[in-house]
Amino acid sequence: MRAEAYDRPMKRRFLLGVVFTAVTVGPAIAEPTWKLAASDSSYSYVCGGDDWVAINGKGNSITIRGECAIIEINGSGNKVSVESVGSIRISGNNNDLRYDRAPSGKTRPEIKNKGAANTIRRNQ
């Protein structure tokens, strides 16, 4: 009986250590790979597969080659052409985003359109 009473506190200490380690490690907060904050300009960028592109501004013309994980637009009147994208997030208005394809394994990108009068379409 004494051995059982001795083993239980040890197990509890071990589990608390595991929980504490899991909480302190936690996930890292990701940042966009390329941030654009401009207006009325033309830009081009090449995505490398896991890139997150964040576009802030108005009236820009942007051409993106390669495969992007995320395209995020917070602005208005931007024209974006992208070769391949996994996720599209738009919170601005009157933007035009056209993509050629989704990454392999997907039929289309995940789309979250919280703005108004945005056009998101696949090039034919």
C-alpha atoms as a PDB file:
ATOM      1  CA  MET A   1       0.000   0.000   0.000  1.00  0.00           C
ATOM      2  CA  ARG A   2       2.767   2.445   0.713  1.00  0.00           C
ATOM      3  CA  ALA A   3       4.193   1.990  -2.785  1.00  0.00           C
ATOM      4  CA  GLU A   4       0.885   3.003  -4.424  1.00  0.00           C
ATOM      5  CA  ALA A   5       0.628   6.171  -2.358  1.00  0.00           C
ATOM      6  CA  TYR A   6       4.190   7.066  -3.333  1.00  0.00           C
ATOM      7  CA  ASP A   7       3.687   6.507  -7.109  1.00  0.00           C
ATOM      8  CA  ARG A   8       0.652   8.749  -7.515  1.00  0.00           C
ATOM      9  CA  PRO A   9       2.284  12.092  -6.657  1.00  0.00           C
ATOM     10  CA  MET A  10       5.133  11.320  -9.076  1.00  0.00           C
ATOM     11  CA  LYS A  11       2.677  10.747 -11.929  1.00  0.00           C
ATOM     12  CA  ARG A  12       0.903  14.007 -11.196  1.00  0.00           C
ATOM     13  CA  ARG A  13       4.153  15.974 -11.221  1.00  0.00           C
ATOM     14  CA  PHE A  14       5.120  14.403 -14.530  1.00  0.00           C
ATOM     15  CA  LEU A  15       1.755  15.256 -16.131  1.00  0.00           C
ATOM     16  CA  LEU A  16       1.922  18.843 -14.875  1.00  0.00           C
ATOM     17  CA  GLY A  17       5.348  19.126 -16.507  1.00  0.00           C
ATOM     18  CA  VAL A  18       3.968  17.885 -19.833  1.00  0.00           C
ATOM     19  CA  VAL A  19       1.022  20.314 -19.717  1.00  0.00           C
ATOM     20  CA  PHE A  20       3.284  23.234 -18.748  1.00  0.00           C
ATOM     21  CA  THR A  21       5.672  22.474 -21.620  1.00  0.00           C
ATOM     22  CA  ALA A  22       2.832  22.244 -24.150  1.00  0.00           C
ATOM     23  CA  VAL A  23       1.386  25.587 -23.038  1.00  0.00           C
ATOM     24  CA  THR A  24       4.701  27.446 -23.055  1.00  0.00           C
ATOM     25  CA  VAL A  25       5.809  26.223 -26.494  1.00  0.00           C
ATOM     26  CA  GLY A  26       2.549  27.132 -28.340  1.00  0.00           C
ATOM     27  CA  PRO A  27       2.232  28.086 -32.003  1.00  0.00           C
ATOM     28  CA  ALA A  28       4.177  31.001 -33.470  1.00  0.00           C
ATOM     29  CA  ILE A  29       2.298  33.926 -34.983  1.00  0.00           C
ATOM     30  CA  ALA A  30       2.923  33.956 -38.715  1.00  0.00           C
ATOM     31  CA  GLU A  31       3.683  37.090 -40.693  1.00  0.00           C
ATOM     32  CA  PRO A  32       3.123  37.726 -44.399  1.00  0.00           C
ATOM     33  CA  THR A  33       6.097  36.840 -46.586  1.00  0.00           C
ATOM     34  CA  TRP A  34       5.567  39.931 -48.748  1.00  0.00           C
ATOM     35  CA  LYS A  35       3.680  43.037 -47.620  1.00  0.00           C
ATOM     36  CA  LEU A  36       2.699  45.727 -50.088  1.00  0.00           C
ATOM     37  CA  ALA A  37       1.455  49.082 -48.817  1.00  0.00           C
ATOM     38  CA  ALA A  38       1.173  51.342 -51.862  1.00  0.00           C
ATOM     39  CA  SER A  39      -1.252  53.084 -54.158  1.00  0.00           C
ATOM     40  CA  ASP A  40      -1.577  53.516 -57.915  1.00  0.00           C
ATOM     41  CA  SER A  41       1.531  51.458 -58.766  1.00  0.00           C
ATOM     42  CA  SER A  42       2.514  48.269 -60.622  1.00  0.00           C
ATOM     43  CA  TYR A  43       4.341  45.400 -58.926  1.00  0.00           C
ATOM     44  CA  SER A  44       5.337  41.812 -59.581  1.00  0.00           C
ATOM     45  CA  TYR A  45       6.290  39.059 -57.147  1.00  0.00           C
ATOM     46  CA  VAL A  46       7.258  35.384 -57.348  1.00  0.00           C
ATOM     47  CA  CYS A  47       5.737  33.069 -54.707  1.00  0.00           C
ATOM     48  CA  GLY A  48       7.695  30.040 -53.548  1.00  0.00           C
ATOM     49  CA  GLY A  49       4.864  27.740 -52.413  1.00  0.00           C
ATOM     50  CA  ASP A  50       4.320  28.720 -48.765  1.00  0.00           C
ATOM     51  CA  ASP A  51       4.253  32.483 -49.309  1.00  0.00           C
ATOM     52  CA  TRP A  52       1.623  34.739 -47.789  1.00  0.00           C
ATOM     53  CA  VAL A  53       1.124  37.967 -49.763  1.00  0.00           C
ATOM     54  CA  ALA A  54      -0.624  40.894 -48.027  1.00  0.00           C
ATOM     55  CA  ILE A  55      -1.731  43.805 -50.216  1.00  0.00           C
ATOM     56  CA  ASN A  56      -2.771  47.090 -48.586  1.00  0.00           C
ATOM     57  CA  GLY A  57      -3.540  50.074 -50.769  1.00  0.00           C
ATOM     58  CA  LYS A  58      -5.641  51.187 -53.675  1.00  0.00           C
ATOM     59  CA  GLY A  59      -5.437  51.177 -57.440  1.00  0.00           C
ATOM     60  CA  ASN A  60      -2.447  48.830 -57.715  1.00  0.00           C
ATOM     61  CA  SER A  61      -1.779  46.413 -60.567  1.00  0.00           C
ATOM     62  CA  ILE A  62      -0.018  43.280 -59.272  1.00  0.00           C
ATOM     63  CA  THR A  63       1.207  40.190 -61.124  1.00  0.00           C
ATOM     64  CA  ILE A  64       2.190  37.183 -58.997  1.00  0.00           C
ATOM     65  CA  ARG A  65       3.952  34.151 -60.471  1.00  0.00           C
ATOM     66  CA  GLY A  66       4.453  30.777 -58.796  1.00  0.00           C
ATOM     67  CA  GLU A  67       2.358  29.162 -56.084  1.00  0.00           C
ATOM     68  CA  CYS A  68       1.137  31.219 -53.108  1.00  0.00           C
ATOM     69  CA  ALA A  69      -0.406  29.781 -49.960  1.00  0.00           C
ATOM     70  CA  ILE A  70      -2.403  32.956 -49.153  1.00  0.00           C
ATOM     71  CA  ILE A  71      -3.289  36.175 -50.967  1.00  0.00           C
ATOM     72  CA  GLU A  72      -4.825  38.817 -48.685  1.00  0.00           C
ATOM     73  CA  ILE A  73      -6.197  42.124 -50.000  1.00  0.00           C
ATOM     74  CA  ASN A  74      -7.101  44.995 -47.660  1.00  0.00           C
ATOM     75  CA  GLY A  75      -7.710  47.899 -49.962  1.00  0.00           C
ATOM     76  CA  SER A  76      -9.755  49.032 -52.918  1.00  0.00           C
ATOM     77  CA  GLY A  77      -9.527  49.058 -56.694  1.00  0.00           C
ATOM     78  CA  ASN A  78      -6.566  46.650 -56.896  1.00  0.00           C
ATOM     79  CA  LYS A  79      -6.098  44.372 -59.913  1.00  0.00           C
ATOM     80  CA  VAL A  80      -4.274  41.178 -58.976  1.00  0.00           C
ATOM     81  CA  SER A  81      -3.309  38.339 -61.294  1.00  0.00           C
ATOM     82  CA  VAL A  82      -1.896  35.214 -59.648  1.00  0.00           C
ATOM     83  CA  GLU A  83      -0.683  31.947 -61.153  1.00  0.00           C
ATOM     84  CA  SER A  84      -1.610  29.610 -58.260  1.00  0.00           C
ATOM     85  CA  VAL A  85      -3.195  30.332 -54.871  1.00  0.00           C
ATOM     86  CA  GLY A  86      -4.498  28.151 -52.021  1.00  0.00           C
ATOM     87  CA  SER A  87      -6.449  30.747 -50.030  1.00  0.00           C
ATOM     88  CA  ILE A  88      -7.873  34.164 -50.958  1.00  0.00           C
ATOM     89  CA  ARG A  89      -8.922  36.672 -48.280  1.00  0.00           C
ATOM     90  CA  ILE A  90     -10.402  40.009 -49.296  1.00  0.00           C
ATOM     91  CA  SER A  91     -11.728  42.652 -46.919  1.00  0.00           C
ATOM     92  CA  GLY A  92     -11.527  45.639 -49.260  1.00  0.00           C
ATOM     93  CA  ASN A  93     -13.884  46.809 -51.981  1.00  0.00           C
ATOM     94  CA  ASN A  94     -13.894  46.875 -55.805  1.00  0.00           C
ATOM     95  CA  ASN A  95     -10.870  44.574 -56.174  1.00  0.00           C
ATOM     96  CA  ASP A  96     -10.350  42.271 -59.150  1.00  0.00           C
ATOM     97  CA  LEU A  97      -8.418  39.045 -58.464  1.00  0.00           C
ATOM     98  CA  ARG A  98      -7.857  36.478 -61.194  1.00  0.00           C
ATOM     99  CA  TYR A  99      -6.042  33.193 -60.717  1.00  0.00           C
ATOM    100  CA  ASP A 100      -4.925  30.467 -63.137  1.00  0.00           C
ATOM    101  CA  ARG A 101      -5.261  27.487 -60.814  1.00  0.00           C
ATOM    102  CA  ALA A 102      -5.357  26.172 -57.270  1.00  0.00           C
ATOM    103  CA  PRO A 103      -2.406  24.199 -55.854  1.00  0.00           C
ATOM    104  CA  SER A 104      -2.269  20.491 -56.657  1.00  0.00           C
ATOM    105  CA  GLY A 105      -4.807  18.501 -54.686  1.00  0.00           C
ATOM    106  CA  LYS A 106      -7.368  21.356 -54.674  1.00  0.00           C
ATOM    107  CA  THR A 107     -10.065  22.056 -57.235  1.00  0.00           C
ATOM    108  CA  ARG A 108     -10.289  25.731 -56.232  1.00  0.00           C
ATOM    109  CA  PRO A 109      -8.821  28.074 -53.613  1.00  0.00           C
ATOM    110  CA  GLU A 110     -10.511  28.697 -50.272  1.00  0.00           C
ATOM    111  CA  ILE A 111     -12.197  32.102 -50.627  1.00  0.00           C
ATOM    112  CA  LYS A 112     -13.207  34.552 -47.868  1.00  0.00           C
ATOM    113  CA  ASN A 113     -14.681  37.712 -49.345  1.00  0.00           C
ATOM    114  CA  LYS A 114     -15.739  40.193 -46.645  1.00  0.00           C
ATOM    115  CA  GLY A 115     -15.700  43.255 -48.910  1.00  0.00           C
ATOM    116  CA  ALA A 116     -18.160  44.592 -51.442  1.00  0.00           C
ATOM    117  CA  ALA A 117     -18.129  44.515 -55.261  1.00  0.00           C
ATOM    118  CA  ASN A 118     -15.008  42.317 -55.479  1.00  0.00           C
ATOM    119  CA  THR A 119     -14.441  40.056 -58.485  1.00  0.00           C
ATOM    120  CA  ILE A 120     -12.672  36.740 -57.890  1.00  0.00           C
ATOM    121  CA  ARG A 121     -12.439  34.392 -60.825  1.00  0.00           C
ATOM    122  CA  ARG A 122     -10.392  31.717 -62.484  1.00  0.00           C
ATOM    123  CA  ASN A 123      -8.793  32.561 -65.831  1.00  0.00           C
ATOM    124  CA  GLN A 124     -10.073  30.393 -68.663  1.00  0.00           C
END
